[in-house]
Amino acid sequence: MPEFQLDPAFIATSHAVGDLPLCHVRLQDDARYPWLVLIPRLAGLREIEELTAADRTALIEEAVAAGKAVRVLGGLSGFEVEKLNVGALGNVTAQLHVHVVGRRAGDPAWPGPVWGHSAAEAYDDASDAVLVAGKALGL
């Protein structure tokens, strides 16, 4: 069976936070939004339907945990999360992954989606956000 490999696109656009039981967690490198990405650590996945029922359940529970962590991240930067956006798009990076993004009225992309809205604004230093996210996830 092939081994899980992280698509290089994630390395270029995000920072490693750690591993939950199913997913590798990354902080998206866009300081405008509290934003985590969950990537199931199973080889060759493109679609949620490819997960077993147990893994789909785990993915949902990990997305809920990530949502709580996104709210904590928002507090770090004074971004009060009013709504969580959860999406598994994969149009650019086909490897199965789920975005958990904190949103609020008046954020740069509001009310539209964050994807393709404008260029990301990288963190000057993402280390504090990575630590906060990891702690909020119990990592």
N, C-alpha and C. Protein backbone atom coordinates (compact mmCIF):
# COMPACT_ATOMS: atom_id res chain seq x y z
N MET A 1 0.84 -1.18 0.00
CA MET A 1 0.00 0.00 0.00
C MET A 1 0.89 1.25 0.00
N PRO A 2 0.55 2.23 -0.83
CA PRO A 2 1.37 3.44 -0.87
C PRO A 2 1.34 4.19 0.46
N GLU A 3 2.39 4.92 0.72
CA GLU A 3 2.53 5.69 1.95
C GLU A 3 1.95 7.10 1.75
N PHE A 4 1.36 7.65 2.80
CA PHE A 4 0.84 9.01 2.76
C PHE A 4 1.97 9.99 2.46
N GLN A 5 1.71 10.89 1.53
CA GLN A 5 2.64 11.97 1.22
C GLN A 5 1.86 13.26 1.12
N LEU A 6 2.38 14.28 1.74
CA LEU A 6 1.75 15.59 1.70
C LEU A 6 2.05 16.27 0.37
N ASP A 7 1.02 16.75 -0.31
CA ASP A 7 1.22 17.47 -1.56
C ASP A 7 2.11 18.69 -1.28
N PRO A 8 3.13 18.91 -2.10
CA PRO A 8 4.04 20.04 -1.88
C PRO A 8 3.35 21.40 -1.84
N ALA A 9 2.18 21.51 -2.46
CA ALA A 9 1.46 22.79 -2.43
C ALA A 9 1.13 23.21 -1.01
N PHE A 10 0.86 22.24 -0.13
CA PHE A 10 0.55 22.58 1.26
C PHE A 10 1.77 23.14 1.97
N ILE A 11 2.91 22.60 1.67
CA ILE A 11 4.15 23.07 2.31
C ILE A 11 4.43 24.52 1.91
N ALA A 12 4.11 24.86 0.67
CA ALA A 12 4.37 26.20 0.16
C ALA A 12 3.38 27.24 0.68
N THR A 13 2.20 26.81 1.13
CA THR A 13 1.15 27.77 1.48
C THR A 13 0.67 27.69 2.92
N SER A 14 1.33 26.88 3.74
CA SER A 14 0.85 26.70 5.11
C SER A 14 1.97 26.24 6.02
N HIS A 15 1.66 26.22 7.33
CA HIS A 15 2.63 25.84 8.36
C HIS A 15 2.11 24.64 9.13
N ALA A 16 2.96 23.66 9.39
CA ALA A 16 2.57 22.47 10.13
C ALA A 16 2.19 22.83 11.56
N VAL A 17 1.05 22.31 12.02
CA VAL A 17 0.61 22.47 13.40
C VAL A 17 0.83 21.16 14.14
N GLY A 18 0.46 20.04 13.54
CA GLY A 18 0.63 18.74 14.17
C GLY A 18 -0.35 17.74 13.60
N ASP A 19 -0.44 16.59 14.27
CA ASP A 19 -1.29 15.51 13.78
C ASP A 19 -2.36 15.14 14.80
N LEU A 20 -3.60 15.10 14.31
CA LEU A 20 -4.72 14.54 15.05
C LEU A 20 -4.78 13.05 14.69
N PRO A 21 -5.67 12.28 15.28
CA PRO A 21 -5.69 10.85 14.96
C PRO A 21 -5.82 10.54 13.46
N LEU A 22 -6.61 11.29 12.72
CA LEU A 22 -6.76 11.05 11.29
C LEU A 22 -5.97 12.04 10.44
N CYS A 23 -6.02 13.30 10.80
CA CYS A 23 -5.53 14.36 9.91
C CYS A 23 -4.26 15.03 10.37
N HIS A 24 -3.47 15.41 9.38
CA HIS A 24 -2.38 16.34 9.58
C HIS A 24 -3.02 17.73 9.53
N VAL A 25 -2.64 18.61 10.46
CA VAL A 25 -3.24 19.94 10.56
C VAL A 25 -2.21 20.98 10.18
N ARG A 26 -2.66 21.95 9.35
CA ARG A 26 -1.77 23.03 8.92
C ARG A 26 -2.48 24.37 9.10
N LEU A 27 -1.71 25.39 9.42
CA LEU A 27 -2.18 26.77 9.50
C LEU A 27 -1.97 27.39 8.13
N GLN A 28 -3.05 27.82 7.49
CA GLN A 28 -2.95 28.47 6.18
C GLN A 28 -2.18 29.77 6.36
N ASP A 29 -1.25 30.05 5.46
CA ASP A 29 -0.40 31.23 5.59
C ASP A 29 -1.10 32.45 5.00
N ASP A 30 -2.19 32.84 5.65
CA ASP A 30 -2.91 34.06 5.29
C ASP A 30 -3.37 34.69 6.61
N ALA A 31 -2.63 35.67 7.05
CA ALA A 31 -2.85 36.27 8.37
C ALA A 31 -4.16 37.05 8.46
N ARG A 32 -4.87 37.22 7.35
CA ARG A 32 -6.14 37.96 7.39
C ARG A 32 -7.27 37.14 8.00
N TYR A 33 -7.11 35.82 8.04
CA TYR A 33 -8.16 34.93 8.51
C TYR A 33 -7.57 33.86 9.43
N PRO A 34 -8.25 33.52 10.53
CA PRO A 34 -7.86 32.31 11.26
C PRO A 34 -8.30 31.12 10.42
N TRP A 35 -7.35 30.24 10.04
CA TRP A 35 -7.64 29.27 8.98
C TRP A 35 -6.77 28.04 9.16
N LEU A 36 -7.41 26.91 9.37
CA LEU A 36 -6.70 25.63 9.46
C LEU A 36 -7.11 24.73 8.31
N VAL A 37 -6.19 23.84 7.93
CA VAL A 37 -6.44 22.87 6.87
C VAL A 37 -6.21 21.48 7.47
N LEU A 38 -7.17 20.59 7.28
CA LEU A 38 -7.07 19.20 7.74
C LEU A 38 -6.82 18.30 6.54
N ILE A 39 -5.78 17.49 6.62
CA ILE A 39 -5.43 16.59 5.52
C ILE A 39 -5.36 15.17 6.06
N PRO A 40 -6.35 14.32 5.71
CA PRO A 40 -6.29 12.94 6.20
C PRO A 40 -4.97 12.27 5.78
N ARG A 41 -4.36 11.59 6.74
CA ARG A 41 -3.05 10.97 6.50
C ARG A 41 -3.22 9.55 5.93
N LEU A 42 -3.92 9.49 4.81
CA LEU A 42 -4.12 8.23 4.09
C LEU A 42 -3.72 8.48 2.64
N ALA A 43 -3.03 7.55 2.06
CA ALA A 43 -2.47 7.74 0.71
C ALA A 43 -3.53 7.78 -0.38
N GLY A 44 -3.32 8.67 -1.33
CA GLY A 44 -4.08 8.67 -2.57
C GLY A 44 -5.50 9.18 -2.52
N LEU A 45 -5.93 9.80 -1.44
CA LEU A 45 -7.32 10.24 -1.33
C LEU A 45 -7.55 11.54 -2.09
N ARG A 46 -8.71 11.60 -2.76
CA ARG A 46 -9.13 12.81 -3.45
C ARG A 46 -10.52 13.27 -2.98
N GLU A 47 -11.35 12.33 -2.54
CA GLU A 47 -12.73 12.65 -2.21
C GLU A 47 -13.11 12.09 -0.83
N ILE A 48 -14.01 12.77 -0.15
CA ILE A 48 -14.49 12.32 1.15
C ILE A 48 -15.11 10.93 1.03
N GLU A 49 -15.78 10.65 -0.08
CA GLU A 49 -16.44 9.36 -0.27
C GLU A 49 -15.46 8.19 -0.26
N GLU A 50 -14.17 8.46 -0.42
CA GLU A 50 -13.17 7.40 -0.40
C GLU A 50 -12.80 6.98 1.02
N LEU A 51 -13.20 7.76 2.02
CA LEU A 51 -12.94 7.42 3.41
C LEU A 51 -13.93 6.35 3.87
N THR A 52 -13.51 5.53 4.82
CA THR A 52 -14.45 4.60 5.45
C THR A 52 -15.45 5.42 6.26
N ALA A 53 -16.55 4.79 6.64
CA ALA A 53 -17.54 5.47 7.46
C ALA A 53 -16.91 5.96 8.77
N ALA A 54 -16.07 5.15 9.37
CA ALA A 54 -15.41 5.54 10.62
C ALA A 54 -14.49 6.74 10.40
N ASP A 55 -13.77 6.75 9.29
CA ASP A 55 -12.88 7.88 9.01
C ASP A 55 -13.66 9.14 8.66
N ARG A 56 -14.82 9.00 8.00
CA ARG A 56 -15.65 10.18 7.74
C ARG A 56 -16.14 10.78 9.06
N THR A 57 -16.51 9.93 9.98
CA THR A 57 -16.93 10.41 11.30
C THR A 57 -15.77 11.11 11.99
N ALA A 58 -14.59 10.51 11.93
CA ALA A 58 -13.40 11.13 12.55
C ALA A 58 -13.10 12.48 11.91
N LEU A 59 -13.24 12.56 10.60
CA LEU A 59 -12.98 13.82 9.90
C LEU A 59 -13.93 14.92 10.38
N ILE A 60 -15.20 14.60 10.53
CA ILE A 60 -16.16 15.59 11.02
C ILE A 60 -15.80 16.03 12.44
N GLU A 61 -15.47 15.08 13.29
CA GLU A 61 -15.11 15.43 14.67
C GLU A 61 -13.83 16.29 14.70
N GLU A 62 -12.88 15.99 13.85
CA GLU A 62 -11.66 16.79 13.80
C GLU A 62 -11.95 18.17 13.22
N ALA A 63 -12.89 18.28 12.29
CA ALA A 63 -13.28 19.59 11.76
C ALA A 63 -13.94 20.43 12.86
N VAL A 64 -14.75 19.79 13.71
CA VAL A 64 -15.37 20.51 14.83
C VAL A 64 -14.28 21.02 15.78
N ALA A 65 -13.31 20.17 16.09
CA ALA A 65 -12.19 20.58 16.95
C ALA A 65 -11.40 21.72 16.31
N ALA A 66 -11.19 21.62 14.99
CA ALA A 66 -10.47 22.68 14.27
C ALA A 66 -11.26 23.98 14.33
N GLY A 67 -12.58 23.90 14.26
CA GLY A 67 -13.40 25.10 14.36
C GLY A 67 -13.20 25.80 15.69
N LYS A 68 -13.15 25.03 16.76
CA LYS A 68 -12.89 25.62 18.07
C LYS A 68 -11.50 26.27 18.11
N ALA A 69 -10.52 25.60 17.51
CA ALA A 69 -9.17 26.16 17.46
C ALA A 69 -9.12 27.43 16.61
N VAL A 70 -9.88 27.47 15.52
CA VAL A 70 -9.95 28.66 14.68
C VAL A 70 -10.50 29.84 15.49
N ARG A 71 -11.50 29.58 16.31
CA ARG A 71 -12.04 30.65 17.16
C ARG A 71 -10.98 31.16 18.14
N VAL A 72 -10.18 30.25 18.70
CA VAL A 72 -9.09 30.65 19.60
C VAL A 72 -8.06 31.46 18.82
N LEU A 73 -7.71 31.01 17.62
CA LEU A 73 -6.77 31.74 16.77
C LEU A 73 -7.27 33.15 16.48
N GLY A 74 -8.55 33.25 16.20
CA GLY A 74 -9.13 34.57 15.94
C GLY A 74 -8.93 35.49 17.12
N GLY A 75 -9.12 34.97 18.31
CA GLY A 75 -8.92 35.77 19.52
C GLY A 75 -7.49 36.27 19.67
N LEU A 76 -6.53 35.49 19.18
CA LEU A 76 -5.12 35.87 19.24
C LEU A 76 -4.88 37.16 18.47
N SER A 77 -5.59 37.34 17.36
CA SER A 77 -5.35 38.50 16.51
C SER A 77 -6.47 39.54 16.59
N GLY A 78 -7.43 39.35 17.51
CA GLY A 78 -8.54 40.28 17.63
C GLY A 78 -9.59 40.10 16.54
N PHE A 79 -9.60 38.94 15.89
CA PHE A 79 -10.56 38.63 14.83
C PHE A 79 -11.68 37.80 15.47
N GLU A 80 -12.80 38.43 15.78
CA GLU A 80 -13.91 37.70 16.36
C GLU A 80 -14.61 36.89 15.28
N VAL A 81 -14.52 35.58 15.39
CA VAL A 81 -15.12 34.68 14.40
C VAL A 81 -16.63 34.67 14.60
N GLU A 82 -17.36 35.10 13.58
CA GLU A 82 -18.82 35.09 13.61
C GLU A 82 -19.38 33.86 12.91
N LYS A 83 -18.62 33.30 11.98
CA LYS A 83 -19.08 32.16 11.18
C LYS A 83 -17.89 31.32 10.78
N LEU A 84 -18.06 30.01 10.83
CA LEU A 84 -17.04 29.09 10.34
C LEU A 84 -17.41 28.63 8.94
N ASN A 85 -16.48 28.72 8.03
CA ASN A 85 -16.66 28.15 6.69
C ASN A 85 -15.84 26.87 6.66
N VAL A 86 -16.47 25.78 6.26
CA VAL A 86 -15.81 24.47 6.16
C VAL A 86 -15.99 24.00 4.73
N GLY A 87 -14.87 23.68 4.07
CA GLY A 87 -14.99 23.27 2.68
C GLY A 87 -13.90 22.33 2.25
N ALA A 88 -14.26 21.41 1.36
CA ALA A 88 -13.32 20.47 0.75
C ALA A 88 -13.38 20.69 -0.75
N LEU A 89 -12.66 21.69 -1.24
CA LEU A 89 -12.75 22.06 -2.64
C LEU A 89 -11.87 21.17 -3.52
N GLY A 90 -10.57 21.34 -3.44
CA GLY A 90 -9.67 20.48 -4.19
C GLY A 90 -9.53 20.82 -5.66
N ASN A 91 -9.99 21.98 -6.09
CA ASN A 91 -9.86 22.34 -7.50
C ASN A 91 -8.41 22.60 -7.89
N VAL A 92 -7.62 23.14 -6.98
CA VAL A 92 -6.22 23.43 -7.25
C VAL A 92 -5.32 22.31 -6.75
N THR A 93 -5.55 21.86 -5.53
CA THR A 93 -4.78 20.76 -4.95
C THR A 93 -5.75 19.60 -4.74
N ALA A 94 -5.58 18.55 -5.54
CA ALA A 94 -6.56 17.46 -5.57
C ALA A 94 -6.53 16.58 -4.31
N GLN A 95 -5.40 16.53 -3.60
CA GLN A 95 -5.32 15.70 -2.41
C GLN A 95 -6.43 16.10 -1.44
N LEU A 96 -7.14 15.12 -0.90
CA LEU A 96 -8.25 15.41 0.00
C LEU A 96 -7.78 16.26 1.17
N HIS A 97 -8.47 17.38 1.36
CA HIS A 97 -8.21 18.26 2.49
C HIS A 97 -9.46 19.08 2.76
N VAL A 98 -9.58 19.53 4.01
CA VAL A 98 -10.74 20.30 4.44
C VAL A 98 -10.24 21.60 5.06
N HIS A 99 -10.77 22.70 4.55
CA HIS A 99 -10.45 24.03 5.09
C HIS A 99 -11.46 24.36 6.18
N VAL A 100 -10.97 24.93 7.27
CA VAL A 100 -11.83 25.45 8.34
C VAL A 100 -11.39 26.90 8.54
N VAL A 101 -12.26 27.82 8.10
CA VAL A 101 -11.89 29.23 8.03
C VAL A 101 -12.84 30.06 8.89
N GLY A 102 -12.27 30.91 9.73
CA GLY A 102 -13.06 31.83 10.51
C GLY A 102 -13.41 33.05 9.67
N ARG A 103 -14.68 33.44 9.74
CA ARG A 103 -15.15 34.60 8.96
C ARG A 103 -15.89 35.57 9.86
N ARG A 104 -15.97 36.81 9.42
CA ARG A 104 -16.78 37.83 10.10
C ARG A 104 -17.19 38.88 9.07
N ALA A 105 -18.31 39.52 9.35
CA ALA A 105 -18.76 40.59 8.48
C ALA A 105 -17.67 41.65 8.37
N GLY A 106 -17.39 42.07 7.15
CA GLY A 106 -16.37 43.09 6.94
C GLY A 106 -14.97 42.56 6.73
N ASP A 107 -14.77 41.22 6.82
CA ASP A 107 -13.42 40.72 6.52
C ASP A 107 -13.13 40.97 5.04
N PRO A 108 -11.89 40.85 4.60
CA PRO A 108 -11.54 41.25 3.23
C PRO A 108 -12.36 40.60 2.11
N ALA A 109 -12.86 39.40 2.31
CA ALA A 109 -13.61 38.72 1.25
C ALA A 109 -15.12 38.73 1.49
N TRP A 110 -15.56 39.28 2.61
CA TRP A 110 -16.97 39.21 2.99
C TRP A 110 -17.86 39.86 1.95
N PRO A 111 -18.98 39.30 1.58
CA PRO A 111 -19.57 38.06 2.05
C PRO A 111 -19.21 36.86 1.17
N GLY A 112 -18.33 37.07 0.21
CA GLY A 112 -17.96 35.99 -0.71
C GLY A 112 -16.97 35.02 -0.11
N PRO A 113 -16.58 34.02 -0.90
CA PRO A 113 -15.60 33.03 -0.42
C PRO A 113 -14.19 33.62 -0.36
N VAL A 114 -13.36 33.04 0.49
CA VAL A 114 -11.97 33.50 0.60
C VAL A 114 -11.13 33.01 -0.58
N TRP A 115 -11.55 31.89 -1.17
CA TRP A 115 -10.76 31.30 -2.25
C TRP A 115 -10.82 32.17 -3.48
N GLY A 116 -9.65 32.55 -3.98
CA GLY A 116 -9.57 33.33 -5.21
C GLY A 116 -9.96 34.78 -5.06
N HIS A 117 -10.21 35.23 -3.84
CA HIS A 117 -10.61 36.63 -3.63
C HIS A 117 -9.46 37.58 -3.90
N SER A 118 -8.32 37.32 -3.30
CA SER A 118 -7.16 38.19 -3.43
C SER A 118 -5.94 37.43 -2.92
N ALA A 119 -4.78 37.99 -3.15
CA ALA A 119 -3.54 37.33 -2.73
C ALA A 119 -3.49 37.23 -1.21
N ALA A 120 -2.97 36.10 -0.73
CA ALA A 120 -2.81 35.89 0.71
C ALA A 120 -1.81 36.89 1.27
N GLU A 121 -2.00 37.22 2.54
CA GLU A 121 -1.04 38.06 3.26
C GLU A 121 -0.35 37.17 4.28
N ALA A 122 0.88 36.79 3.97
CA ALA A 122 1.63 35.85 4.80
C ALA A 122 1.87 36.41 6.20
N TYR A 123 1.93 35.49 7.16
CA TYR A 123 2.30 35.87 8.52
C TYR A 123 3.74 36.38 8.52
N ASP A 124 4.02 37.43 9.30
CA ASP A 124 5.40 37.84 9.50
C ASP A 124 6.15 36.74 10.24
N ASP A 125 5.48 36.18 11.25
CA ASP A 125 6.02 35.08 12.04
C ASP A 125 4.83 34.25 12.51
N ALA A 126 4.68 33.08 11.93
CA ALA A 126 3.52 32.25 12.23
C ALA A 126 3.69 31.40 13.48
N SER A 127 4.83 31.47 14.13
CA SER A 127 5.11 30.54 15.24
C SER A 127 4.10 30.66 16.38
N ASP A 128 3.69 31.88 16.75
CA ASP A 128 2.70 32.02 17.83
C ASP A 128 1.37 31.40 17.43
N ALA A 129 0.94 31.65 16.21
CA ALA A 129 -0.34 31.10 15.74
C ALA A 129 -0.28 29.57 15.69
N VAL A 130 0.83 29.02 15.26
CA VAL A 130 0.99 27.57 15.21
C VAL A 130 0.91 26.98 16.62
N LEU A 131 1.58 27.62 17.56
CA LEU A 131 1.55 27.15 18.96
C LEU A 131 0.15 27.24 19.55
N VAL A 132 -0.54 28.34 19.31
CA VAL A 132 -1.90 28.52 19.83
C VAL A 132 -2.84 27.48 19.23
N ALA A 133 -2.75 27.27 17.92
CA ALA A 133 -3.61 26.28 17.27
C ALA A 133 -3.32 24.89 17.82
N GLY A 134 -2.06 24.55 17.94
CA GLY A 134 -1.69 23.24 18.47
C GLY A 134 -2.21 23.02 19.87
N LYS A 135 -2.06 24.04 20.71
CA LYS A 135 -2.55 23.93 22.08
C LYS A 135 -4.06 23.80 22.11
N ALA A 136 -4.77 24.57 21.28
CA ALA A 136 -6.24 24.50 21.24
C ALA A 136 -6.71 23.14 20.76
N LEU A 137 -5.90 22.45 19.96
CA LEU A 137 -6.23 21.12 19.47
C LEU A 137 -5.73 20.01 20.38
N GLY A 138 -5.03 20.38 21.45
CA GLY A 138 -4.49 19.38 22.37
C GLY A 138 -3.26 18.69 21.85
N LEU A 139 -2.53 19.35 20.98
CA LEU A 139 -1.29 18.76 20.40
C LEU A 139 -0.06 19.23 21.13
